């Protein structure tokens, strides 16, 4: 949960749930276990942070902009819009 959610009354969509250091630590631990990380992220800012931290797939990403979509493509990241 890298951002707030649509159905959450306590976590607004624009809220960022983890620091960059935490996101990077999550990716590092997953990589050492031979896994990759997916993250629930709605806004462009939350998606950008995930990409920079090494998150492989983004769940939702409904509010990304063209710049963020290009960043994802250049980094070889995936988006699952459901």
N, C-alpha and C. Protein backbone atom coordinates (compact mmCIF):
# COMPACT_ATOMS: atom_id res chain seq x y z
N UNK A 1 0.84 -1.18 0.00
CA UNK A 1 0.00 0.00 0.00
C UNK A 1 0.89 1.24 0.00
N UNK A 2 1.33 1.64 -1.17
CA UNK A 2 2.23 2.79 -1.28
C UNK A 2 1.49 4.12 -1.29
N UNK A 3 0.17 4.07 -1.42
CA UNK A 3 -0.64 5.29 -1.34
C UNK A 3 -1.92 4.95 -0.60
N UNK A 4 -2.69 6.00 -0.32
CA UNK A 4 -4.00 5.77 0.27
C UNK A 4 -4.90 5.11 -0.77
N UNK A 5 -6.13 4.84 -0.37
CA UNK A 5 -7.02 4.14 -1.28
C UNK A 5 -8.36 4.81 -1.44
N UNK A 6 -9.06 4.41 -2.47
CA UNK A 6 -10.36 4.98 -2.79
C UNK A 6 -11.37 4.68 -1.69
N UNK A 7 -11.36 3.48 -1.18
CA UNK A 7 -12.35 3.06 -0.19
C UNK A 7 -11.94 3.26 1.25
N UNK A 8 -10.82 3.92 1.48
CA UNK A 8 -10.33 4.08 2.85
C UNK A 8 -10.68 5.46 3.39
N UNK A 9 -11.41 5.49 4.48
CA UNK A 9 -11.77 6.77 5.08
C UNK A 9 -10.63 7.37 5.89
N UNK A 10 -9.65 6.57 6.27
CA UNK A 10 -8.54 7.07 7.09
C UNK A 10 -7.26 7.31 6.32
N UNK A 11 -7.17 6.84 5.09
CA UNK A 11 -5.97 7.01 4.27
C UNK A 11 -6.34 7.66 2.95
N UNK A 12 -6.30 9.00 2.88
CA UNK A 12 -6.65 9.69 1.63
C UNK A 12 -5.77 9.21 0.47
N UNK A 13 -6.29 9.26 -0.73
CA UNK A 13 -5.59 8.77 -1.92
C UNK A 13 -4.19 9.37 -2.03
N UNK A 14 -4.04 10.66 -1.77
CA UNK A 14 -2.76 11.32 -1.97
C UNK A 14 -1.73 11.04 -0.88
N UNK A 15 -2.12 10.33 0.18
CA UNK A 15 -1.15 10.06 1.25
C UNK A 15 -0.12 9.04 0.78
N UNK A 16 1.11 9.26 1.23
CA UNK A 16 2.21 8.34 0.93
C UNK A 16 2.42 7.48 2.16
N UNK A 17 2.38 6.19 2.00
CA UNK A 17 2.35 5.28 3.14
C UNK A 17 3.73 4.90 3.67
N UNK A 18 4.76 4.95 2.84
CA UNK A 18 6.11 4.56 3.25
C UNK A 18 7.12 5.60 2.81
N UNK A 19 8.19 5.71 3.57
CA UNK A 19 9.31 6.57 3.16
C UNK A 19 10.07 5.87 2.04
N UNK A 20 10.92 6.60 1.34
CA UNK A 20 11.75 5.99 0.29
C UNK A 20 12.64 4.91 0.89
N UNK A 21 13.17 5.16 2.07
CA UNK A 21 14.04 4.17 2.73
C UNK A 21 13.27 2.89 3.01
N UNK A 22 12.03 3.01 3.43
CA UNK A 22 11.21 1.82 3.70
C UNK A 22 10.90 1.07 2.41
N UNK A 23 10.53 1.81 1.36
CA UNK A 23 10.26 1.15 0.08
C UNK A 23 11.49 0.42 -0.43
N UNK A 24 12.65 1.06 -0.33
CA UNK A 24 13.89 0.42 -0.78
C UNK A 24 14.23 -0.81 0.06
N UNK A 25 13.96 -0.75 1.35
CA UNK A 25 14.21 -1.91 2.21
C UNK A 25 13.29 -3.07 1.85
N UNK A 26 12.05 -2.77 1.54
CA UNK A 26 11.10 -3.81 1.13
C UNK A 26 11.58 -4.49 -0.14
N UNK A 27 12.00 -3.70 -1.12
CA UNK A 27 12.50 -4.25 -2.38
C UNK A 27 13.77 -5.05 -2.14
N UNK A 28 14.65 -4.56 -1.31
CA UNK A 28 15.90 -5.26 -1.00
C UNK A 28 15.62 -6.62 -0.37
N UNK A 29 14.74 -6.67 0.60
CA UNK A 29 14.41 -7.94 1.26
C UNK A 29 13.78 -8.92 0.29
N UNK A 30 12.87 -8.44 -0.55
CA UNK A 30 12.23 -9.32 -1.53
C UNK A 30 13.25 -9.86 -2.52
N UNK A 31 14.14 -8.99 -2.97
CA UNK A 31 15.17 -9.41 -3.93
C UNK A 31 16.05 -10.50 -3.33
N UNK A 32 16.43 -10.34 -2.08
CA UNK A 32 17.26 -11.37 -1.43
C UNK A 32 16.53 -12.69 -1.28
N UNK A 33 15.22 -12.64 -1.25
CA UNK A 33 14.42 -13.86 -1.15
C UNK A 33 14.04 -14.41 -2.52
N UNK A 34 14.55 -13.77 -3.59
CA UNK A 34 14.25 -14.23 -4.94
C UNK A 34 12.85 -13.86 -5.40
N UNK A 35 12.29 -12.82 -4.82
CA UNK A 35 10.93 -12.37 -5.15
C UNK A 35 10.98 -10.96 -5.70
N UNK A 36 9.87 -10.48 -6.19
CA UNK A 36 9.75 -9.08 -6.58
C UNK A 36 8.60 -8.45 -5.80
N UNK A 37 8.51 -7.14 -5.89
CA UNK A 37 7.51 -6.41 -5.11
C UNK A 37 6.45 -5.82 -6.03
N UNK A 38 5.20 -5.94 -5.60
CA UNK A 38 4.10 -5.23 -6.23
C UNK A 38 3.56 -4.27 -5.18
N UNK A 39 3.02 -3.16 -5.64
CA UNK A 39 2.50 -2.17 -4.69
C UNK A 39 1.18 -1.59 -5.18
N UNK A 40 0.27 -1.40 -4.25
CA UNK A 40 -0.96 -0.66 -4.48
C UNK A 40 -0.56 0.81 -4.49
N UNK A 41 -0.75 1.49 -5.60
CA UNK A 41 -0.41 2.91 -5.70
C UNK A 41 -1.37 3.55 -6.68
N UNK A 42 -1.95 4.67 -6.29
CA UNK A 42 -2.96 5.33 -7.12
C UNK A 42 -2.40 6.55 -7.84
N UNK A 43 -1.71 7.41 -7.11
CA UNK A 43 -1.27 8.70 -7.67
C UNK A 43 0.06 8.60 -8.41
N UNK A 44 0.30 9.61 -9.26
CA UNK A 44 1.56 9.66 -10.00
C UNK A 44 2.75 9.70 -9.04
N UNK A 45 2.66 10.50 -7.98
CA UNK A 45 3.78 10.61 -7.04
C UNK A 45 4.07 9.27 -6.37
N UNK A 46 3.06 8.56 -5.94
CA UNK A 46 3.30 7.28 -5.28
C UNK A 46 3.88 6.26 -6.26
N UNK A 47 3.42 6.28 -7.50
CA UNK A 47 3.96 5.36 -8.52
C UNK A 47 5.41 5.70 -8.81
N UNK A 48 5.72 6.98 -8.96
CA UNK A 48 7.10 7.40 -9.22
C UNK A 48 8.03 6.92 -8.11
N UNK A 49 7.61 7.07 -6.87
CA UNK A 49 8.43 6.63 -5.74
C UNK A 49 8.65 5.12 -5.78
N UNK A 50 7.61 4.39 -6.13
CA UNK A 50 7.74 2.93 -6.22
C UNK A 50 8.73 2.54 -7.30
N UNK A 51 8.63 3.17 -8.46
CA UNK A 51 9.55 2.86 -9.56
C UNK A 51 10.98 3.16 -9.14
N UNK A 52 11.20 4.31 -8.52
CA UNK A 52 12.54 4.68 -8.07
C UNK A 52 13.08 3.72 -7.02
N UNK A 53 12.20 3.13 -6.23
CA UNK A 53 12.63 2.19 -5.19
C UNK A 53 12.85 0.78 -5.73
N UNK A 54 12.39 0.52 -6.97
CA UNK A 54 12.60 -0.79 -7.56
C UNK A 54 11.40 -1.71 -7.54
N UNK A 55 10.23 -1.18 -7.19
CA UNK A 55 9.00 -1.98 -7.22
C UNK A 55 8.72 -2.39 -8.66
N UNK A 56 8.39 -3.65 -8.87
CA UNK A 56 8.24 -4.18 -10.24
C UNK A 56 6.87 -3.94 -10.85
N UNK A 57 5.81 -4.13 -10.07
CA UNK A 57 4.46 -3.95 -10.62
C UNK A 57 3.64 -3.00 -9.75
N UNK A 58 2.80 -2.24 -10.42
CA UNK A 58 1.92 -1.30 -9.74
C UNK A 58 0.49 -1.78 -9.91
N UNK A 59 -0.20 -1.91 -8.82
CA UNK A 59 -1.62 -2.26 -8.84
C UNK A 59 -2.41 -0.95 -8.83
N UNK A 60 -3.24 -0.76 -9.79
CA UNK A 60 -4.10 0.41 -10.00
C UNK A 60 -3.35 1.49 -10.78
N UNK A 61 -2.74 2.47 -10.13
CA UNK A 61 -2.07 3.54 -10.84
C UNK A 61 -3.04 4.41 -11.63
N UNK A 62 -4.27 4.51 -11.16
CA UNK A 62 -5.32 5.21 -11.90
C UNK A 62 -5.01 6.67 -12.21
N UNK A 63 -4.25 7.35 -11.38
CA UNK A 63 -4.02 8.77 -11.55
C UNK A 63 -2.61 9.11 -12.06
N UNK A 64 -1.99 8.16 -12.77
CA UNK A 64 -0.66 8.47 -13.30
C UNK A 64 -0.80 9.42 -14.49
N UNK A 65 0.27 10.13 -14.74
CA UNK A 65 0.31 11.04 -15.88
C UNK A 65 1.26 10.46 -16.94
N UNK A 66 1.37 11.16 -18.06
CA UNK A 66 2.21 10.66 -19.15
C UNK A 66 3.67 10.51 -18.71
N UNK A 67 4.17 11.47 -17.96
CA UNK A 67 5.56 11.41 -17.48
C UNK A 67 5.80 10.14 -16.66
N UNK A 68 4.86 9.83 -15.79
CA UNK A 68 5.00 8.64 -14.94
C UNK A 68 4.89 7.37 -15.76
N UNK A 69 4.00 7.35 -16.75
CA UNK A 69 3.88 6.18 -17.62
C UNK A 69 5.18 5.95 -18.39
N UNK A 70 5.80 7.03 -18.84
CA UNK A 70 7.10 6.91 -19.54
C UNK A 70 8.18 6.40 -18.59
N UNK A 71 8.19 6.91 -17.37
CA UNK A 71 9.15 6.46 -16.37
C UNK A 71 9.00 4.96 -16.12
N UNK A 72 7.77 4.50 -16.00
CA UNK A 72 7.51 3.07 -15.81
C UNK A 72 8.02 2.26 -17.00
N UNK A 73 7.71 2.72 -18.20
CA UNK A 73 8.13 2.00 -19.41
C UNK A 73 9.65 1.93 -19.50
N UNK A 74 10.32 3.04 -19.26
CA UNK A 74 11.78 3.07 -19.32
C UNK A 74 12.42 2.15 -18.30
N UNK A 75 11.77 1.99 -17.15
CA UNK A 75 12.31 1.14 -16.09
C UNK A 75 11.86 -0.32 -16.24
N UNK A 76 11.01 -0.60 -17.23
CA UNK A 76 10.53 -1.96 -17.43
C UNK A 76 9.55 -2.41 -16.36
N UNK A 77 8.76 -1.49 -15.87
CA UNK A 77 7.77 -1.78 -14.82
C UNK A 77 6.41 -2.05 -15.45
N UNK A 78 5.55 -2.69 -14.71
CA UNK A 78 4.23 -3.08 -15.20
C UNK A 78 3.15 -2.47 -14.34
N UNK A 79 1.98 -2.29 -14.95
CA UNK A 79 0.81 -1.76 -14.24
C UNK A 79 -0.36 -2.71 -14.43
N UNK A 80 -1.01 -3.06 -13.33
CA UNK A 80 -2.23 -3.85 -13.38
C UNK A 80 -3.37 -2.92 -12.94
N UNK A 81 -4.17 -2.43 -13.88
CA UNK A 81 -5.14 -1.39 -13.56
C UNK A 81 -6.33 -1.82 -12.70
N UNK A 82 -6.52 -3.06 -12.47
CA UNK A 82 -7.67 -3.52 -11.70
C UNK A 82 -7.56 -3.21 -10.25
